[in-house]
């Protein structure tokens, strides 16, 4: 199973469980998390044994949306800030 530092991918029978695991940021999505989600969906699509996919969030929030600090290029090193802005 794939995954990233802030996204776990687990198999529970015929279900693939994708868990956003960044509760300190209310599971706000970073670029690596988006790539991990995309990879998880591709994995589910390629495996005929997967009958369902559950997307959930760790902690008290499901997902606050995009991590705007990372998109604005706050120095997090994920490269998402390039080309963002006026």
N, C-alpha and C. Protein backbone atom coordinates (compact mmCIF):
# COMPACT_ATOMS: atom_id res chain seq x y z
N UNK A 1 0.84 -1.18 0.00
CA UNK A 1 0.00 0.00 0.00
C UNK A 1 0.89 1.24 0.00
N UNK A 2 0.43 2.24 -0.71
CA UNK A 2 1.17 3.49 -0.79
C UNK A 2 0.87 4.38 0.39
N UNK A 3 1.06 5.65 0.19
CA UNK A 3 0.81 6.62 1.24
C UNK A 3 1.94 7.62 1.31
N UNK A 4 1.76 8.60 2.15
CA UNK A 4 2.78 9.61 2.37
C UNK A 4 2.89 9.85 3.86
N UNK A 5 3.70 10.82 4.23
CA UNK A 5 3.84 11.16 5.64
C UNK A 5 2.50 11.52 6.27
N UNK A 6 1.63 12.19 5.52
CA UNK A 6 0.36 12.67 6.06
C UNK A 6 -0.86 12.00 5.44
N UNK A 7 -0.65 10.87 4.80
CA UNK A 7 -1.76 10.12 4.21
C UNK A 7 -1.47 8.63 4.36
N UNK A 8 -2.37 7.94 5.04
CA UNK A 8 -2.18 6.49 5.15
C UNK A 8 -3.15 5.80 4.20
N UNK A 9 -2.69 4.71 3.64
CA UNK A 9 -3.49 3.90 2.72
C UNK A 9 -3.49 2.48 3.28
N UNK A 10 -4.67 1.99 3.61
CA UNK A 10 -4.79 0.66 4.20
C UNK A 10 -5.87 -0.12 3.48
N UNK A 11 -5.74 -1.42 3.51
CA UNK A 11 -6.72 -2.31 2.91
C UNK A 11 -7.46 -3.03 4.01
N UNK A 12 -8.79 -2.97 3.96
CA UNK A 12 -9.63 -3.70 4.91
C UNK A 12 -10.61 -4.52 4.09
N UNK A 13 -10.22 -5.75 3.79
CA UNK A 13 -11.05 -6.59 2.93
C UNK A 13 -11.11 -6.01 1.52
N UNK A 14 -12.32 -5.75 1.04
CA UNK A 14 -12.51 -5.20 -0.30
C UNK A 14 -12.56 -3.67 -0.28
N UNK A 15 -12.20 -3.08 0.85
CA UNK A 15 -12.25 -1.62 0.99
C UNK A 15 -10.86 -1.04 1.13
N UNK A 16 -10.59 0.00 0.37
CA UNK A 16 -9.35 0.75 0.49
C UNK A 16 -9.66 1.98 1.33
N UNK A 17 -8.93 2.17 2.42
CA UNK A 17 -9.17 3.29 3.33
C UNK A 17 -8.02 4.30 3.19
N UNK A 18 -8.36 5.51 2.77
CA UNK A 18 -7.41 6.61 2.65
C UNK A 18 -7.67 7.55 3.81
N UNK A 19 -6.67 7.75 4.68
CA UNK A 19 -6.85 8.59 5.86
C UNK A 19 -5.92 9.79 5.80
N UNK A 20 -6.52 10.99 5.76
CA UNK A 20 -5.76 12.22 5.86
C UNK A 20 -5.25 12.30 7.29
N UNK A 21 -3.94 12.41 7.47
CA UNK A 21 -3.38 12.34 8.82
C UNK A 21 -2.47 13.54 9.08
N UNK A 22 -3.11 14.67 9.19
CA UNK A 22 -2.41 15.92 9.50
C UNK A 22 -3.31 16.74 10.43
N UNK A 23 -3.68 16.17 11.58
CA UNK A 23 -4.67 16.81 12.44
C UNK A 23 -4.23 18.17 12.97
N UNK A 24 -2.91 18.41 13.08
CA UNK A 24 -2.45 19.72 13.59
C UNK A 24 -2.81 20.85 12.63
N UNK A 25 -3.10 20.51 11.36
CA UNK A 25 -3.51 21.50 10.36
C UNK A 25 -4.94 21.22 9.89
N UNK A 26 -5.71 20.55 10.72
CA UNK A 26 -7.08 20.16 10.38
C UNK A 26 -7.14 19.41 9.05
N UNK A 27 -6.08 18.63 8.80
CA UNK A 27 -5.95 17.80 7.60
C UNK A 27 -5.99 18.60 6.30
N UNK A 28 -5.52 19.85 6.36
CA UNK A 28 -5.44 20.67 5.15
C UNK A 28 -4.54 19.96 4.14
N UNK A 29 -4.94 19.99 2.88
CA UNK A 29 -4.25 19.24 1.84
C UNK A 29 -3.01 19.95 1.32
N UNK A 30 -1.90 19.24 1.35
CA UNK A 30 -0.65 19.73 0.76
C UNK A 30 -0.48 19.03 -0.60
N UNK A 31 0.46 19.50 -1.38
CA UNK A 31 0.71 18.88 -2.68
C UNK A 31 1.07 17.39 -2.55
N UNK A 32 1.96 17.00 -1.62
CA UNK A 32 2.24 15.56 -1.47
C UNK A 32 1.00 14.74 -1.09
N UNK A 33 0.10 15.33 -0.31
CA UNK A 33 -1.13 14.62 0.05
C UNK A 33 -2.02 14.42 -1.17
N UNK A 34 -2.11 15.46 -2.02
CA UNK A 34 -2.91 15.34 -3.24
C UNK A 34 -2.35 14.26 -4.16
N UNK A 35 -1.04 14.21 -4.29
CA UNK A 35 -0.40 13.18 -5.10
C UNK A 35 -0.71 11.80 -4.51
N UNK A 36 -0.63 11.68 -3.19
CA UNK A 36 -0.94 10.41 -2.53
C UNK A 36 -2.39 9.99 -2.74
N UNK A 37 -3.31 10.96 -2.67
CA UNK A 37 -4.72 10.65 -2.93
C UNK A 37 -4.92 10.16 -4.36
N UNK A 38 -4.29 10.85 -5.29
CA UNK A 38 -4.38 10.45 -6.70
C UNK A 38 -3.86 9.02 -6.88
N UNK A 39 -2.71 8.74 -6.28
CA UNK A 39 -2.13 7.40 -6.37
C UNK A 39 -3.05 6.35 -5.74
N UNK A 40 -3.69 6.72 -4.63
CA UNK A 40 -4.63 5.80 -3.97
C UNK A 40 -5.83 5.48 -4.85
N UNK A 41 -6.37 6.49 -5.53
CA UNK A 41 -7.50 6.26 -6.43
C UNK A 41 -7.07 5.38 -7.60
N UNK A 42 -5.85 5.62 -8.14
CA UNK A 42 -5.34 4.78 -9.23
C UNK A 42 -5.18 3.33 -8.76
N UNK A 43 -4.67 3.17 -7.54
CA UNK A 43 -4.50 1.83 -6.97
C UNK A 43 -5.84 1.12 -6.87
N UNK A 44 -6.85 1.83 -6.38
CA UNK A 44 -8.19 1.24 -6.25
C UNK A 44 -8.76 0.87 -7.61
N UNK A 45 -8.56 1.74 -8.59
CA UNK A 45 -9.09 1.50 -9.93
C UNK A 45 -8.42 0.29 -10.59
N UNK A 46 -7.15 0.09 -10.31
CA UNK A 46 -6.40 -1.00 -10.95
C UNK A 46 -6.64 -2.36 -10.31
N UNK A 47 -7.21 -2.38 -9.12
CA UNK A 47 -7.40 -3.62 -8.37
C UNK A 47 -8.88 -4.02 -8.38
N UNK A 48 -9.22 -5.06 -9.13
CA UNK A 48 -10.61 -5.49 -9.23
C UNK A 48 -11.18 -5.98 -7.90
N UNK A 49 -10.32 -6.32 -6.94
CA UNK A 49 -10.79 -6.79 -5.63
C UNK A 49 -11.28 -5.63 -4.76
N UNK A 50 -10.90 -4.41 -5.09
CA UNK A 50 -11.36 -3.24 -4.33
C UNK A 50 -12.78 -2.90 -4.79
N UNK A 51 -13.72 -2.95 -3.86
CA UNK A 51 -15.13 -2.69 -4.16
C UNK A 51 -15.59 -1.34 -3.64
N UNK A 52 -14.83 -0.76 -2.71
CA UNK A 52 -15.21 0.55 -2.16
C UNK A 52 -13.96 1.26 -1.66
N UNK A 53 -14.07 2.59 -1.61
CA UNK A 53 -12.99 3.43 -1.09
C UNK A 53 -13.58 4.34 -0.03
N UNK A 54 -12.93 4.42 1.12
CA UNK A 54 -13.34 5.32 2.19
C UNK A 54 -12.26 6.38 2.33
N UNK A 55 -12.67 7.64 2.29
CA UNK A 55 -11.77 8.76 2.52
C UNK A 55 -12.16 9.38 3.85
N UNK A 56 -11.22 9.40 4.80
CA UNK A 56 -11.52 9.89 6.14
C UNK A 56 -10.38 10.77 6.63
N UNK A 57 -10.62 11.46 7.73
CA UNK A 57 -9.60 12.32 8.31
C UNK A 57 -9.32 11.95 9.75
N UNK A 58 -8.05 12.04 10.15
CA UNK A 58 -7.66 11.77 11.54
C UNK A 58 -7.94 12.99 12.39
N UNK A 59 -8.14 12.78 13.67
CA UNK A 59 -8.38 13.89 14.58
C UNK A 59 -9.81 14.38 14.52
N UNK A 60 -10.02 15.63 14.92
CA UNK A 60 -11.37 16.17 15.04
C UNK A 60 -11.95 16.78 13.78
N UNK A 61 -11.21 16.78 12.68
CA UNK A 61 -11.71 17.39 11.45
C UNK A 61 -11.48 16.46 10.28
N UNK A 62 -12.39 16.50 9.31
CA UNK A 62 -12.18 15.72 8.09
C UNK A 62 -11.11 16.37 7.24
N UNK A 63 -11.34 17.61 6.80
CA UNK A 63 -10.38 18.31 5.94
C UNK A 63 -10.75 19.78 5.87
N UNK A 64 -9.78 20.65 6.11
CA UNK A 64 -10.02 22.09 6.06
C UNK A 64 -9.90 22.65 4.64
N UNK A 65 -9.57 21.81 3.67
CA UNK A 65 -9.38 22.26 2.30
C UNK A 65 -7.90 22.29 1.96
N UNK A 66 -7.53 23.13 1.01
CA UNK A 66 -6.13 23.24 0.60
C UNK A 66 -5.31 23.97 1.67
N UNK A 67 -4.05 23.60 1.76
CA UNK A 67 -3.11 24.30 2.64
C UNK A 67 -2.65 25.55 1.90
N UNK A 68 -3.28 26.68 2.16
CA UNK A 68 -2.99 27.91 1.42
C UNK A 68 -1.59 28.44 1.72
N UNK A 69 -1.06 28.17 2.91
CA UNK A 69 0.31 28.59 3.22
C UNK A 69 1.30 27.89 2.28
N UNK A 70 1.09 26.61 2.06
CA UNK A 70 1.98 25.87 1.16
C UNK A 70 1.81 26.35 -0.27
N UNK A 71 0.58 26.63 -0.68
CA UNK A 71 0.35 27.12 -2.03
C UNK A 71 1.00 28.48 -2.26
N UNK A 72 1.04 29.30 -1.22
CA UNK A 72 1.62 30.64 -1.34
C UNK A 72 3.14 30.60 -1.27
N UNK A 73 3.70 29.43 -0.99
CA UNK A 73 5.16 29.29 -0.94
C UNK A 73 5.74 29.78 0.37
N UNK A 74 5.33 29.15 1.46
CA UNK A 74 5.78 29.57 2.79
C UNK A 74 7.14 28.99 3.17
N UNK A 75 7.82 28.38 2.22
CA UNK A 75 9.12 27.80 2.53
C UNK A 75 9.04 26.36 2.98
N UNK A 76 7.90 25.72 2.80
CA UNK A 76 7.76 24.33 3.23
C UNK A 76 8.52 23.37 2.34
N UNK A 77 8.96 23.83 1.18
CA UNK A 77 9.78 23.00 0.32
C UNK A 77 9.02 22.06 -0.58
N UNK A 78 7.68 22.15 -0.61
CA UNK A 78 6.95 21.23 -1.48
C UNK A 78 6.78 21.74 -2.90
N UNK A 79 7.24 22.95 -3.18
CA UNK A 79 7.21 23.49 -4.53
C UNK A 79 5.85 23.92 -5.02
N UNK A 80 4.85 23.88 -4.15
CA UNK A 80 3.50 24.21 -4.59
C UNK A 80 3.31 25.70 -4.83
N UNK A 81 4.16 26.53 -4.26
CA UNK A 81 3.97 27.97 -4.37
C UNK A 81 4.37 28.56 -5.70
N UNK A 82 5.12 27.84 -6.50
CA UNK A 82 5.57 28.40 -7.77
C UNK A 82 4.38 28.62 -8.70
N UNK A 83 4.28 29.83 -9.23
CA UNK A 83 3.21 30.16 -10.15
C UNK A 83 1.92 30.57 -9.49
N UNK A 84 1.90 30.63 -8.17
CA UNK A 84 0.69 31.02 -7.46
C UNK A 84 0.81 32.47 -7.05
N UNK A 85 -0.11 33.26 -7.43
CA UNK A 85 -0.09 34.68 -7.07
C UNK A 85 -0.33 35.55 -8.28
N UNK A 86 -0.44 36.84 -8.02
CA UNK A 86 -0.74 37.78 -9.10
C UNK A 86 0.52 38.29 -9.75
